[in-house]
Amino acid sequence: MHESATTTRAKAKTRKIVMNNSALIIEKIKESVKPAMDKWVDDMEKYLVFLERYCVHQVYDDPEYKANRSAYKLEELKRRVGYTTACYRFFHRTPDDKRQMIEKEAKNKLSKIDIAVAKKLKGINIETAENLYFSTTSADSYCEGAWKINGDKIFSFRTIYAGGWNIQIEHVRTLYTYK
């Protein structure tokens, strides 16, 4: 019984080390990704203002819609010019409302870093995590970094700006590798 308690404490201590070192990595990634997310908020706000104006102009000034004015035709035109559920929920709101919604979405996206890093490092007993490099001004991405885990394997991340008009909404994507 005494050995079991000692073993349990040792395992708990190991888990604590894993959590602490993972937490340091997660916080450093969040700290570095935050400026990219702030830029995304600004860009998204401008994009949605443009998209709303464009969609409203394209749909309501369309000769087919003016001639028919049917709900079916309206929905068809909206889809054709880029109305999506993701975008439409921002339309017809005050600028402050839009900004608050976008900032909330950015905060939610940052919180997903915890889950992504935990999934990538699942089952790895992190005893040491040596920061190899960290940069917020790389050529291909907004930020990147790497840690040597337990003296042998490398855990790295890089953040890129992805998406666009005809693919999907612009977004910040963080990519993780563990080799």
Foldseek 3Di string as FASTA:
>chain_A
DVVVVVVVVVVVVLVVLQVVVLVVVLVVVLVLCVVVLVVVLVVVLVVLVVLLVQLCCQQVVDPVCVVPVDPVSSVVSSVVSPDDPVSVVLPPDDSVVNSVVSVVVSVVVSVCSSVVSCVQCPPPRFNDWAWPDKDCDDDAARIKTWTQGPNHKIKMKGWHWDDDDPGDDIDIDMDIDID
